[in-house]
Amino acid sequence: LFLDADVLITDKKVLLDTLNKTTHLTSVKFHTDPGYNWIYNIFFEAQKLMKVFGSSFAIGGFQLFRTDIYHHTGGYNPEHIFAEDYYVSNKIYPAFFTLYNTKGVYTSSRRFKKKGLFYMIYLMVKCWIYRNNEAFYKK
């Protein structure tokens, strides 16, 4: 389990549920501060849509891998400057990627407050466009 420092598991059941549901990789729906949850709803729906179009996009704040599968992907590349979480999650075949809808995982809304919604959506789309271009993540 890769869990960002600003992510809190507020429901212990989430760990057992995700362990039981994980085939290769599981990510979760996040909840945040009042007034910003709708943004995470958009991101969750975008993750589901990307899966339909053949891309596994696990937000890095919570990535539960089967250990052997994580090692098979090559893991996180320390040369990647950003979105290393997306790059490694995209190596998972979408049928083996699980999105778990829960209210038991909280993260701060600081990224949206600092960068803004449109920048974060722009970054998500740009990462999807360049999903197979490793050089993109190094600059």
C-alpha atoms as a PDB file:
ATOM      1  CA  LEU A   1       0.000   0.000   0.000  1.00  0.00           C
ATOM      2  CA  PHE A   2       1.348   3.369  -1.059  1.00  0.00           C
ATOM      3  CA  LEU A   3      -0.337   6.062   0.991  1.00  0.00           C
ATOM      4  CA  ASP A   4       0.547   9.762   0.815  1.00  0.00           C
ATOM      5  CA  ALA A   5       1.354  11.478   4.100  1.00  0.00           C
ATOM      6  CA  ASP A   6      -1.706  13.729   3.756  1.00  0.00           C
ATOM      7  CA  VAL A   7      -4.126  10.813   3.325  1.00  0.00           C
ATOM      8  CA  LEU A   8      -6.048   9.499   6.314  1.00  0.00           C
ATOM      9  CA  ILE A   9      -7.948   6.237   6.421  1.00  0.00           C
ATOM     10  CA  THR A  10     -10.988   7.117   8.496  1.00  0.00           C
ATOM     11  CA  ASP A  11     -12.688   3.722   8.229  1.00  0.00           C
ATOM     12  CA  LYS A  12     -10.615   0.609   9.080  1.00  0.00           C
ATOM     13  CA  LYS A  13     -12.947  -1.475   6.947  1.00  0.00           C
ATOM     14  CA  VAL A  14     -11.449   0.165   3.824  1.00  0.00           C
ATOM     15  CA  LEU A  15      -8.200  -1.768   4.242  1.00  0.00           C
ATOM     16  CA  LEU A  16      -9.907  -5.147   4.494  1.00  0.00           C
ATOM     17  CA  ASP A  17     -12.319  -4.344   1.674  1.00  0.00           C
ATOM     18  CA  THR A  18      -9.577  -3.186  -0.689  1.00  0.00           C
ATOM     19  CA  LEU A  19      -7.373  -6.170   0.177  1.00  0.00           C
ATOM     20  CA  ASN A  20     -10.273  -8.455  -0.739  1.00  0.00           C
ATOM     21  CA  LYS A  21     -11.112  -6.588  -3.956  1.00  0.00           C
ATOM     22  CA  THR A  22      -7.586  -6.077  -5.305  1.00  0.00           C
ATOM     23  CA  THR A  23      -6.634  -8.198  -8.282  1.00  0.00           C
ATOM     24  CA  HIS A  24      -3.524  -6.220  -9.305  1.00  0.00           C
ATOM     25  CA  LEU A  25      -4.134  -2.611  -8.210  1.00  0.00           C
ATOM     26  CA  THR A  26      -6.831  -0.762  -6.284  1.00  0.00           C
ATOM     27  CA  SER A  27      -7.367   2.945  -5.780  1.00  0.00           C
ATOM     28  CA  VAL A  28     -10.122   4.687  -3.867  1.00  0.00           C
ATOM     29  CA  LYS A  29     -12.434   7.654  -4.037  1.00  0.00           C
ATOM     30  CA  PHE A  30     -11.211  10.441  -1.805  1.00  0.00           C
ATOM     31  CA  HIS A  31     -13.185  12.761   0.409  1.00  0.00           C
ATOM     32  CA  THR A  32     -11.944  16.159   1.430  1.00  0.00           C
ATOM     33  CA  ASP A  33     -12.876  19.465   2.961  1.00  0.00           C
ATOM     34  CA  PRO A  34     -16.382  20.917   2.535  1.00  0.00           C
ATOM     35  CA  GLY A  35     -16.811  22.637  -0.793  1.00  0.00           C
ATOM     36  CA  TYR A  36     -14.235  20.466  -2.588  1.00  0.00           C
ATOM     37  CA  ASN A  37     -15.756  16.978  -2.609  1.00  0.00           C
ATOM     38  CA  TRP A  38     -17.406  17.589  -5.980  1.00  0.00           C
ATOM     39  CA  ILE A  39     -13.903  17.860  -7.459  1.00  0.00           C
ATOM     40  CA  TYR A  40     -12.951  14.403  -6.210  1.00  0.00           C
ATOM     41  CA  ASN A  41     -16.252  13.137  -7.613  1.00  0.00           C
ATOM     42  CA  ILE A  42     -15.166  14.443 -11.027  1.00  0.00           C
ATOM     43  CA  PHE A  43     -11.757  12.797 -10.662  1.00  0.00           C
ATOM     44  CA  PHE A  44     -13.341   9.487  -9.670  1.00  0.00           C
ATOM     45  CA  GLU A  45     -15.641   9.575 -12.703  1.00  0.00           C
ATOM     46  CA  ALA A  46     -12.671  10.502 -14.919  1.00  0.00           C
ATOM     47  CA  GLN A  47     -10.749   7.494 -13.572  1.00  0.00           C
ATOM     48  CA  LYS A  48     -13.683   5.237 -14.482  1.00  0.00           C
ATOM     49  CA  LEU A  49     -13.861   6.780 -17.949  1.00  0.00           C
ATOM     50  CA  MET A  50     -10.112   6.352 -18.510  1.00  0.00           C
ATOM     51  CA  LYS A  51     -10.480   2.702 -17.549  1.00  0.00           C
ATOM     52  CA  VAL A  52     -13.118   2.270 -20.282  1.00  0.00           C
ATOM     53  CA  PHE A  53     -10.643   3.766 -22.765  1.00  0.00           C
ATOM     54  CA  GLY A  54      -7.875   1.364 -21.716  1.00  0.00           C
ATOM     55  CA  SER A  55      -5.955   3.307 -19.089  1.00  0.00           C
ATOM     56  CA  SER A  56      -5.603   2.519 -15.395  1.00  0.00           C
ATOM     57  CA  PHE A  57      -5.278   5.816 -13.538  1.00  0.00           C
ATOM     58  CA  ALA A  58      -4.790   5.365  -9.820  1.00  0.00           C
ATOM     59  CA  ILE A  59      -4.375   8.568  -7.869  1.00  0.00           C
ATOM     60  CA  GLY A  60      -1.121   8.154  -5.994  1.00  0.00           C
ATOM     61  CA  GLY A  61      -2.504   9.053  -2.595  1.00  0.00           C
ATOM     62  CA  PHE A  62      -3.779   5.483  -2.229  1.00  0.00           C
ATOM     63  CA  GLN A  63      -2.419   2.708  -4.419  1.00  0.00           C
ATOM     64  CA  LEU A  64      -2.783  -0.854  -3.202  1.00  0.00           C
ATOM     65  CA  PHE A  65      -0.756  -3.189  -5.414  1.00  0.00           C
ATOM     66  CA  ARG A  66      -0.274  -6.890  -5.281  1.00  0.00           C
ATOM     67  CA  THR A  67       3.430  -6.944  -4.414  1.00  0.00           C
ATOM     68  CA  ASP A  68       4.487  -9.207  -7.281  1.00  0.00           C
ATOM     69  CA  ILE A  69       2.569  -7.061  -9.770  1.00  0.00           C
ATOM     70  CA  TYR A  70       4.159  -3.866  -8.450  1.00  0.00           C
ATOM     71  CA  HIS A  71       7.630  -5.358  -8.912  1.00  0.00           C
ATOM     72  CA  HIS A  72       6.650  -6.606 -12.372  1.00  0.00           C
ATOM     73  CA  THR A  73       5.814  -3.002 -13.419  1.00  0.00           C
ATOM     74  CA  GLY A  74       9.300  -1.879 -12.429  1.00  0.00           C
ATOM     75  CA  GLY A  75       7.893   0.301  -9.659  1.00  0.00           C
ATOM     76  CA  TYR A  76       8.189   4.042  -9.327  1.00  0.00           C
ATOM     77  CA  ASN A  77      10.916   5.612 -11.433  1.00  0.00           C
ATOM     78  CA  PRO A  78      12.954   8.062  -9.317  1.00  0.00           C
ATOM     79  CA  GLU A  79      13.766  10.021 -12.504  1.00  0.00           C
ATOM     80  CA  HIS A  80      10.115  11.022 -12.907  1.00  0.00           C
ATOM     81  CA  ILE A  81       9.578  14.558 -11.679  1.00  0.00           C
ATOM     82  CA  PHE A  82       5.779  14.299 -11.432  1.00  0.00           C
ATOM     83  CA  ALA A  83       2.871  11.894 -11.939  1.00  0.00           C
ATOM     84  CA  GLU A  84       5.034   8.849 -11.229  1.00  0.00           C
ATOM     85  CA  ASP A  85       1.949   7.352  -9.598  1.00  0.00           C
ATOM     86  CA  TYR A  86      -0.070   7.615 -12.795  1.00  0.00           C
ATOM     87  CA  TYR A  87       2.773   6.307 -14.927  1.00  0.00           C
ATOM     88  CA  VAL A  88       3.166   3.120 -12.885  1.00  0.00           C
ATOM     89  CA  SER A  89      -0.598   2.586 -12.486  1.00  0.00           C
ATOM     90  CA  ASN A  90      -1.045   2.882 -16.243  1.00  0.00           C
ATOM     91  CA  LYS A  91       1.040  -0.282 -16.640  1.00  0.00           C
ATOM     92  CA  ILE A  92      -1.810  -2.283 -15.090  1.00  0.00           C
ATOM     93  CA  TYR A  93      -4.280  -3.811 -17.529  1.00  0.00           C
ATOM     94  CA  PRO A  94      -7.631  -2.054 -16.857  1.00  0.00           C
ATOM     95  CA  ALA A  95      -9.511  -5.308 -16.172  1.00  0.00           C
ATOM     96  CA  PHE A  96      -7.202  -5.844 -13.178  1.00  0.00           C
ATOM     97  CA  PHE A  97      -7.553  -2.293 -11.856  1.00  0.00           C
ATOM     98  CA  THR A  98     -10.200  -1.723  -9.184  1.00  0.00           C
ATOM     99  CA  LEU A  99     -11.711   1.594  -8.163  1.00  0.00           C
ATOM    100  CA  TYR A 100     -13.240   1.386  -4.714  1.00  0.00           C
ATOM    101  CA  ASN A 101     -16.020   3.850  -3.905  1.00  0.00           C
ATOM    102  CA  THR A 102     -15.758   4.673  -0.221  1.00  0.00           C
ATOM    103  CA  LYS A 103     -16.215   7.539   2.194  1.00  0.00           C
ATOM    104  CA  GLY A 104     -13.467   6.167   4.412  1.00  0.00           C
ATOM    105  CA  VAL A 105     -10.424   7.910   2.910  1.00  0.00           C
ATOM    106  CA  TYR A 106      -9.761  11.608   3.497  1.00  0.00           C
ATOM    107  CA  THR A 107      -7.189  13.943   1.963  1.00  0.00           C
ATOM    108  CA  SER A 108      -6.642  17.656   2.208  1.00  0.00           C
ATOM    109  CA  SER A 109      -7.947  19.970  -0.497  1.00  0.00           C
ATOM    110  CA  ARG A 110      -4.624  21.859  -0.482  1.00  0.00           C
ATOM    111  CA  ARG A 111      -3.690  20.851  -4.048  1.00  0.00           C
ATOM    112  CA  PHE A 112      -6.888  22.313  -5.436  1.00  0.00           C
ATOM    113  CA  LYS A 113      -6.591  25.416  -3.278  1.00  0.00           C
ATOM    114  CA  LYS A 114      -2.984  25.939  -4.379  1.00  0.00           C
ATOM    115  CA  LYS A 115      -3.097  24.927  -8.066  1.00  0.00           C
ATOM    116  CA  GLY A 116      -6.766  25.315  -8.940  1.00  0.00           C
ATOM    117  CA  LEU A 117      -9.244  22.877 -10.429  1.00  0.00           C
ATOM    118  CA  PHE A 118      -8.565  23.682 -14.072  1.00  0.00           C
ATOM    119  CA  TYR A 119      -4.817  23.197 -13.705  1.00  0.00           C
ATOM    120  CA  MET A 120      -5.350  19.796 -12.053  1.00  0.00           C
ATOM    121  CA  ILE A 121      -7.762  18.679 -14.798  1.00  0.00           C
ATOM    122  CA  TYR A 122      -5.363  20.007 -17.452  1.00  0.00           C
ATOM    123  CA  LEU A 123      -2.551  18.007 -15.848  1.00  0.00           C
ATOM    124  CA  MET A 124      -4.690  14.856 -15.746  1.00  0.00           C
ATOM    125  CA  VAL A 125      -5.573  15.169 -19.431  1.00  0.00           C
ATOM    126  CA  LYS A 126      -1.984  15.940 -20.412  1.00  0.00           C
ATOM    127  CA  CYS A 127      -0.722  12.907 -18.481  1.00  0.00           C
ATOM    128  CA  TRP A 128      -3.287  10.738 -20.241  1.00  0.00           C
ATOM    129  CA  ILE A 129      -2.242  12.049 -23.663  1.00  0.00           C
ATOM    130  CA  TYR A 130       1.439  11.357 -22.912  1.00  0.00           C
ATOM    131  CA  ARG A 131       0.779   8.175 -20.925  1.00  0.00           C
ATOM    132  CA  ASN A 132       3.206   6.096 -23.001  1.00  0.00           C
ATOM    133  CA  ASN A 133       5.933   8.729 -23.292  1.00  0.00           C
ATOM    134  CA  GLU A 134       8.264   8.201 -20.356  1.00  0.00           C
ATOM    135  CA  ALA A 135      10.388  11.238 -21.286  1.00  0.00           C
ATOM    136  CA  PHE A 136       7.358  13.465 -20.606  1.00  0.00           C
ATOM    137  CA  TYR A 137       7.432  12.536 -16.895  1.00  0.00           C
ATOM    138  CA  LYS A 138      11.129  13.374 -16.583  1.00  0.00           C
ATOM    139  CA  LYS A 139      10.825  17.065 -17.464  1.00  0.00           C
END
